[in-house]
């Protein structure tokens, strides 16, 4: 007997909404998942918040971002970064920067947190802060910056992404290239030539 294929529906990880109504349906389903699964509540709420924001449901999005923060559970990437991006998009940069400062004080270890927040800062014109944030990420990840080699960056996608984002932020801030910038620029050029 043939096996019946699973139909992808709102709330499924594979679901890709194509309209505002579908974004809202997906956000509603993710929110329900969060209510039903307390161990993953923060993750579901953060995802739902992003879809509500994309659909123009700003108040609901903010409510869920705050609920995810209050929950304190794990969110893949950086909840602080996702929420800060939302605040920047709402023209609330002071609140976004304060949220990023809260993330800094929490001393994150996850490279994704540094990448997401660094990219958010850089995209919103805070180039020097992005460069500092990503430098901190590299230090936490590798230890001493002077010891980082091209092999480290070539063999490690997390380090390579942080270094590449840092290079972009430093260039946007018109800072002179340093050892890490030169290493990652060479790797990027070599990759582009392949």
C-alpha atoms as a PDB file:
ATOM      1  CA  UNK A   1       0.000   0.000   0.000  1.00  0.00           C
ATOM      2  CA  UNK A   2       1.368   3.405  -0.926  1.00  0.00           C
ATOM      3  CA  UNK A   3       2.262   5.698   1.881  1.00  0.00           C
ATOM      4  CA  UNK A   4       0.356   8.947   1.997  1.00  0.00           C
ATOM      5  CA  UNK A   5       2.606  12.008   1.662  1.00  0.00           C
ATOM      6  CA  UNK A   6       2.560  14.538   4.465  1.00  0.00           C
ATOM      7  CA  UNK A   7       0.893  17.767   3.423  1.00  0.00           C
ATOM      8  CA  UNK A   8       2.896  20.805   4.505  1.00  0.00           C
ATOM      9  CA  UNK A   9       0.700  23.180   6.498  1.00  0.00           C
ATOM     10  CA  UNK A  10       1.151  26.412   8.470  1.00  0.00           C
ATOM     11  CA  UNK A  11       3.330  25.801  11.506  1.00  0.00           C
ATOM     12  CA  UNK A  12       5.457  23.169   9.756  1.00  0.00           C
ATOM     13  CA  UNK A  13       9.140  23.997   9.509  1.00  0.00           C
ATOM     14  CA  UNK A  14       8.982  23.496   5.722  1.00  0.00           C
ATOM     15  CA  UNK A  15       6.030  25.840   5.253  1.00  0.00           C
ATOM     16  CA  UNK A  16       6.803  28.948   3.196  1.00  0.00           C
ATOM     17  CA  UNK A  17       4.004  31.532   3.306  1.00  0.00           C
ATOM     18  CA  UNK A  18       3.363  33.327   0.029  1.00  0.00           C
ATOM     19  CA  UNK A  19       0.853  35.948   1.150  1.00  0.00           C
ATOM     20  CA  UNK A  20       0.027  38.079   4.164  1.00  0.00           C
ATOM     21  CA  UNK A  21      -2.846  35.741   5.067  1.00  0.00           C
ATOM     22  CA  UNK A  22      -0.476  32.768   4.941  1.00  0.00           C
ATOM     23  CA  UNK A  23       2.096  34.618   7.073  1.00  0.00           C
ATOM     24  CA  UNK A  24      -0.581  35.221   9.705  1.00  0.00           C
ATOM     25  CA  UNK A  25      -1.790  31.606   9.545  1.00  0.00           C
ATOM     26  CA  UNK A  26       1.807  30.398   9.952  1.00  0.00           C
ATOM     27  CA  UNK A  27       2.437  32.811  12.837  1.00  0.00           C
ATOM     28  CA  UNK A  28      -0.797  31.711  14.526  1.00  0.00           C
ATOM     29  CA  UNK A  29       0.246  28.041  14.226  1.00  0.00           C
ATOM     30  CA  UNK A  30       3.740  28.757  15.578  1.00  0.00           C
ATOM     31  CA  UNK A  31       2.237  30.643  18.495  1.00  0.00           C
ATOM     32  CA  UNK A  32      -0.006  27.655  19.281  1.00  0.00           C
ATOM     33  CA  UNK A  33       3.036  25.362  19.097  1.00  0.00           C
ATOM     34  CA  UNK A  34       4.724  27.596  21.669  1.00  0.00           C
ATOM     35  CA  UNK A  35       1.716  27.393  23.960  1.00  0.00           C
ATOM     36  CA  UNK A  36       1.605  23.609  23.598  1.00  0.00           C
ATOM     37  CA  UNK A  37       5.361  22.988  23.951  1.00  0.00           C
ATOM     38  CA  UNK A  38       6.777  25.003  26.873  1.00  0.00           C
ATOM     39  CA  UNK A  39      10.267  23.552  26.403  1.00  0.00           C
ATOM     40  CA  UNK A  40      10.467  25.248  22.973  1.00  0.00           C
ATOM     41  CA  UNK A  41       8.165  28.177  23.701  1.00  0.00           C
ATOM     42  CA  UNK A  42      10.782  30.926  23.209  1.00  0.00           C
ATOM     43  CA  UNK A  43      11.812  29.497  19.809  1.00  0.00           C
ATOM     44  CA  UNK A  44       8.239  29.234  18.543  1.00  0.00           C
ATOM     45  CA  UNK A  45       7.309  32.678  19.840  1.00  0.00           C
ATOM     46  CA  UNK A  46      10.359  34.293  18.233  1.00  0.00           C
ATOM     47  CA  UNK A  47       9.556  32.678  14.887  1.00  0.00           C
ATOM     48  CA  UNK A  48       5.893  33.672  15.159  1.00  0.00           C
ATOM     49  CA  UNK A  49       6.915  37.239  16.013  1.00  0.00           C
ATOM     50  CA  UNK A  50       8.948  37.523  12.821  1.00  0.00           C
ATOM     51  CA  UNK A  51       6.021  36.342  10.692  1.00  0.00           C
ATOM     52  CA  UNK A  52       3.583  38.661  12.455  1.00  0.00           C
ATOM     53  CA  UNK A  53       6.005  41.566  11.857  1.00  0.00           C
ATOM     54  CA  UNK A  54       6.283  40.672   8.162  1.00  0.00           C
ATOM     55  CA  UNK A  55       2.486  40.616   7.962  1.00  0.00           C
ATOM     56  CA  UNK A  56       2.242  44.067   9.562  1.00  0.00           C
ATOM     57  CA  UNK A  57       0.937  42.835  12.932  1.00  0.00           C
ATOM     58  CA  UNK A  58       3.468  44.943  14.817  1.00  0.00           C
ATOM     59  CA  UNK A  59       1.852  44.902  18.273  1.00  0.00           C
ATOM     60  CA  UNK A  60       1.425  41.129  18.214  1.00  0.00           C
ATOM     61  CA  UNK A  61       5.004  40.687  17.023  1.00  0.00           C
ATOM     62  CA  UNK A  62       6.323  42.814  19.846  1.00  0.00           C
ATOM     63  CA  UNK A  63       4.183  40.999  22.402  1.00  0.00           C
ATOM     64  CA  UNK A  64       5.676  37.665  21.281  1.00  0.00           C
ATOM     65  CA  UNK A  65       9.269  38.940  21.188  1.00  0.00           C
ATOM     66  CA  UNK A  66       8.823  40.099  24.788  1.00  0.00           C
ATOM     67  CA  UNK A  67       7.188  36.824  25.801  1.00  0.00           C
ATOM     68  CA  UNK A  68      10.106  34.912  24.259  1.00  0.00           C
ATOM     69  CA  UNK A  69      12.580  37.052  26.215  1.00  0.00           C
ATOM     70  CA  UNK A  70      10.583  36.568  29.411  1.00  0.00           C
ATOM     71  CA  UNK A  71      10.461  32.821  28.813  1.00  0.00           C
ATOM     72  CA  UNK A  72      14.264  32.697  28.771  1.00  0.00           C
ATOM     73  CA  UNK A  73      14.361  29.532  26.666  1.00  0.00           C
ATOM     74  CA  UNK A  74      16.816  28.855  23.868  1.00  0.00           C
ATOM     75  CA  UNK A  75      16.271  30.508  20.493  1.00  0.00           C
ATOM     76  CA  UNK A  76      18.479  29.418  17.607  1.00  0.00           C
ATOM     77  CA  UNK A  77      20.667  32.332  16.582  1.00  0.00           C
ATOM     78  CA  UNK A  78      20.002  35.320  18.784  1.00  0.00           C
ATOM     79  CA  UNK A  79      16.637  36.371  20.142  1.00  0.00           C
ATOM     80  CA  UNK A  80      18.195  39.701  21.115  1.00  0.00           C
ATOM     81  CA  UNK A  81      19.411  40.146  17.541  1.00  0.00           C
ATOM     82  CA  UNK A  82      16.071  39.260  15.977  1.00  0.00           C
ATOM     83  CA  UNK A  83      14.199  41.562  18.340  1.00  0.00           C
ATOM     84  CA  UNK A  84      16.760  44.349  17.798  1.00  0.00           C
ATOM     85  CA  UNK A  85      16.269  44.037  14.017  1.00  0.00           C
ATOM     86  CA  UNK A  86      12.520  44.401  14.590  1.00  0.00           C
ATOM     87  CA  UNK A  87      13.078  47.513  16.751  1.00  0.00           C
ATOM     88  CA  UNK A  88      15.385  49.089  14.166  1.00  0.00           C
ATOM     89  CA  UNK A  89      12.731  48.416  11.496  1.00  0.00           C
ATOM     90  CA  UNK A  90      10.197  50.206  13.717  1.00  0.00           C
ATOM     91  CA  UNK A  91      12.546  53.229  13.871  1.00  0.00           C
ATOM     92  CA  UNK A  92      13.334  52.592  17.542  1.00  0.00           C
ATOM     93  CA  UNK A  93      17.147  52.518  17.455  1.00  0.00           C
ATOM     94  CA  UNK A  94      17.675  53.481  21.106  1.00  0.00           C
ATOM     95  CA  UNK A  95      15.650  50.480  22.249  1.00  0.00           C
ATOM     96  CA  UNK A  96      17.440  48.225  19.755  1.00  0.00           C
ATOM     97  CA  UNK A  97      20.845  49.365  20.995  1.00  0.00           C
ATOM     98  CA  UNK A  98      19.778  48.894  24.621  1.00  0.00           C
ATOM     99  CA  UNK A  99      18.655  45.346  23.811  1.00  0.00           C
ATOM    100  CA  UNK A 100      22.004  44.634  22.156  1.00  0.00           C
ATOM    101  CA  UNK A 101      23.753  45.974  25.255  1.00  0.00           C
ATOM    102  CA  UNK A 102      21.711  43.510  27.321  1.00  0.00           C
ATOM    103  CA  UNK A 103      22.927  40.723  25.038  1.00  0.00           C
ATOM    104  CA  UNK A 104      26.529  41.883  25.458  1.00  0.00           C
ATOM    105  CA  UNK A 105      26.240  41.793  29.243  1.00  0.00           C
ATOM    106  CA  UNK A 106      24.972  38.209  29.018  1.00  0.00           C
ATOM    107  CA  UNK A 107      28.381  37.276  27.504  1.00  0.00           C
ATOM    108  CA  UNK A 108      27.115  35.015  24.702  1.00  0.00           C
ATOM    109  CA  UNK A 109      29.266  32.146  23.486  1.00  0.00           C
ATOM    110  CA  UNK A 110      27.259  31.166  20.386  1.00  0.00           C
ATOM    111  CA  UNK A 111      28.897  32.429  17.175  1.00  0.00           C
ATOM    112  CA  UNK A 112      25.421  32.883  15.647  1.00  0.00           C
ATOM    113  CA  UNK A 113      24.607  35.507  18.283  1.00  0.00           C
ATOM    114  CA  UNK A 114      27.635  37.531  17.219  1.00  0.00           C
ATOM    115  CA  UNK A 115      26.858  37.137  13.523  1.00  0.00           C
ATOM    116  CA  UNK A 116      23.175  38.097  13.803  1.00  0.00           C
ATOM    117  CA  UNK A 117      23.778  41.081  16.068  1.00  0.00           C
ATOM    118  CA  UNK A 118      26.845  42.193  14.097  1.00  0.00           C
ATOM    119  CA  UNK A 119      24.932  42.065  10.818  1.00  0.00           C
ATOM    120  CA  UNK A 120      21.987  43.907  12.381  1.00  0.00           C
ATOM    121  CA  UNK A 121      24.228  46.697  13.660  1.00  0.00           C
ATOM    122  CA  UNK A 122      26.045  46.999  10.338  1.00  0.00           C
ATOM    123  CA  UNK A 123      22.829  47.010   8.282  1.00  0.00           C
ATOM    124  CA  UNK A 124      21.500  49.882  10.379  1.00  0.00           C
ATOM    125  CA  UNK A 125      24.578  52.100  10.073  1.00  0.00           C
ATOM    126  CA  UNK A 126      26.310  51.211  13.340  1.00  0.00           C
ATOM    127  CA  UNK A 127      29.455  50.012  11.575  1.00  0.00           C
ATOM    128  CA  UNK A 128      31.999  50.594  14.330  1.00  0.00           C
ATOM    129  CA  UNK A 129      29.764  48.919  16.910  1.00  0.00           C
ATOM    130  CA  UNK A 130      29.291  45.987  14.522  1.00  0.00           C
ATOM    131  CA  UNK A 131      33.046  45.681  14.067  1.00  0.00           C
ATOM    132  CA  UNK A 132      33.599  45.745  17.853  1.00  0.00           C
ATOM    133  CA  UNK A 133      30.817  43.232  18.437  1.00  0.00           C
ATOM    134  CA  UNK A 134      32.248  40.821  15.855  1.00  0.00           C
ATOM    135  CA  UNK A 135      35.784  41.316  17.197  1.00  0.00           C
ATOM    136  CA  UNK A 136      34.483  40.300  20.622  1.00  0.00           C
ATOM    137  CA  UNK A 137      32.884  37.252  19.015  1.00  0.00           C
ATOM    138  CA  UNK A 138      36.167  36.218  17.422  1.00  0.00           C
ATOM    139  CA  UNK A 139      38.013  36.676  20.723  1.00  0.00           C
ATOM    140  CA  UNK A 140      35.450  34.551  22.585  1.00  0.00           C
ATOM    141  CA  UNK A 141      35.560  31.950  19.861  1.00  0.00           C
ATOM    142  CA  UNK A 142      39.312  31.706  19.219  1.00  0.00           C
ATOM    143  CA  UNK A 143      40.972  33.409  22.168  1.00  0.00           C
ATOM    144  CA  UNK A 144      43.873  35.559  21.003  1.00  0.00           C
ATOM    145  CA  UNK A 145      43.236  37.310  17.668  1.00  0.00           C
ATOM    146  CA  UNK A 146      46.947  37.368  16.867  1.00  0.00           C
ATOM    147  CA  UNK A 147      46.936  33.563  16.814  1.00  0.00           C
ATOM    148  CA  UNK A 148      44.188  33.232  14.180  1.00  0.00           C
ATOM    149  CA  UNK A 149      45.482  31.791  10.920  1.00  0.00           C
ATOM    150  CA  UNK A 150      44.039  31.449   7.447  1.00  0.00           C
ATOM    151  CA  UNK A 151      43.663  27.714   8.133  1.00  0.00           C
ATOM    152  CA  UNK A 152      41.497  28.475  11.189  1.00  0.00           C
ATOM    153  CA  UNK A 153      39.147  30.573   9.088  1.00  0.00           C
ATOM    154  CA  UNK A 154      39.166  28.265   6.083  1.00  0.00           C
ATOM    155  CA  UNK A 155      38.329  25.177   8.145  1.00  0.00           C
ATOM    156  CA  UNK A 156      35.667  26.744  10.351  1.00  0.00           C
ATOM    157  CA  UNK A 157      32.475  28.193   8.863  1.00  0.00           C
ATOM    158  CA  UNK A 158      31.484  29.979  12.118  1.00  0.00           C
ATOM    159  CA  UNK A 159      34.814  31.776  12.402  1.00  0.00           C
ATOM    160  CA  UNK A 160      34.872  32.525   8.682  1.00  0.00           C
ATOM    161  CA  UNK A 161      31.402  34.120   8.765  1.00  0.00           C
ATOM    162  CA  UNK A 162      32.265  36.244  11.810  1.00  0.00           C
ATOM    163  CA  UNK A 163      35.518  37.376  10.191  1.00  0.00           C
ATOM    164  CA  UNK A 164      33.815  38.159   6.855  1.00  0.00           C
ATOM    165  CA  UNK A 165      31.050  40.147   8.556  1.00  0.00           C
ATOM    166  CA  UNK A 166      33.686  41.948  10.633  1.00  0.00           C
ATOM    167  CA  UNK A 167      35.611  42.828   7.457  1.00  0.00           C
ATOM    168  CA  UNK A 168      32.457  44.287   5.879  1.00  0.00           C
ATOM    169  CA  UNK A 169      31.654  46.317   9.012  1.00  0.00           C
ATOM    170  CA  UNK A 170      35.239  47.588   9.281  1.00  0.00           C
ATOM    171  CA  UNK A 171      35.228  48.596   5.604  1.00  0.00           C
ATOM    172  CA  UNK A 172      31.871  50.344   6.075  1.00  0.00           C
ATOM    173  CA  UNK A 173      33.384  52.172   9.065  1.00  0.00           C
ATOM    174  CA  UNK A 174      36.403  53.063   6.896  1.00  0.00           C
ATOM    175  CA  UNK A 175      38.831  51.433   9.325  1.00  0.00           C
ATOM    176  CA  UNK A 176      42.284  50.399   8.152  1.00  0.00           C
ATOM    177  CA  UNK A 177      42.601  46.649   7.516  1.00  0.00           C
ATOM    178  CA  UNK A 178      44.218  44.542  10.208  1.00  0.00           C
ATOM    179  CA  UNK A 179      45.613  41.004  10.372  1.00  0.00           C
ATOM    180  CA  UNK A 180      42.168  39.339  10.436  1.00  0.00           C
ATOM    181  CA  UNK A 181      40.849  41.535   7.619  1.00  0.00           C
ATOM    182  CA  UNK A 182      43.779  40.573   5.425  1.00  0.00           C
ATOM    183  CA  UNK A 183      43.339  36.861   6.149  1.00  0.00           C
ATOM    184  CA  UNK A 184      39.629  36.776   5.417  1.00  0.00           C
ATOM    185  CA  UNK A 185      39.900  39.061   2.357  1.00  0.00           C
ATOM    186  CA  UNK A 186      42.394  36.621   0.831  1.00  0.00           C
ATOM    187  CA  UNK A 187      40.107  33.663   1.577  1.00  0.00           C
ATOM    188  CA  UNK A 188      37.132  35.458   0.032  1.00  0.00           C
ATOM    189  CA  UNK A 189      39.148  36.307  -3.100  1.00  0.00           C
ATOM    190  CA  UNK A 190      40.375  32.712  -3.394  1.00  0.00           C
ATOM    191  CA  UNK A 191      36.810  31.392  -3.056  1.00  0.00           C
ATOM    192  CA  UNK A 192      35.535  33.851  -5.673  1.00  0.00           C
ATOM    193  CA  UNK A 193      38.219  32.697  -8.126  1.00  0.00           C
ATOM    194  CA  UNK A 194      37.190  29.004  -7.888  1.00  0.00           C
END
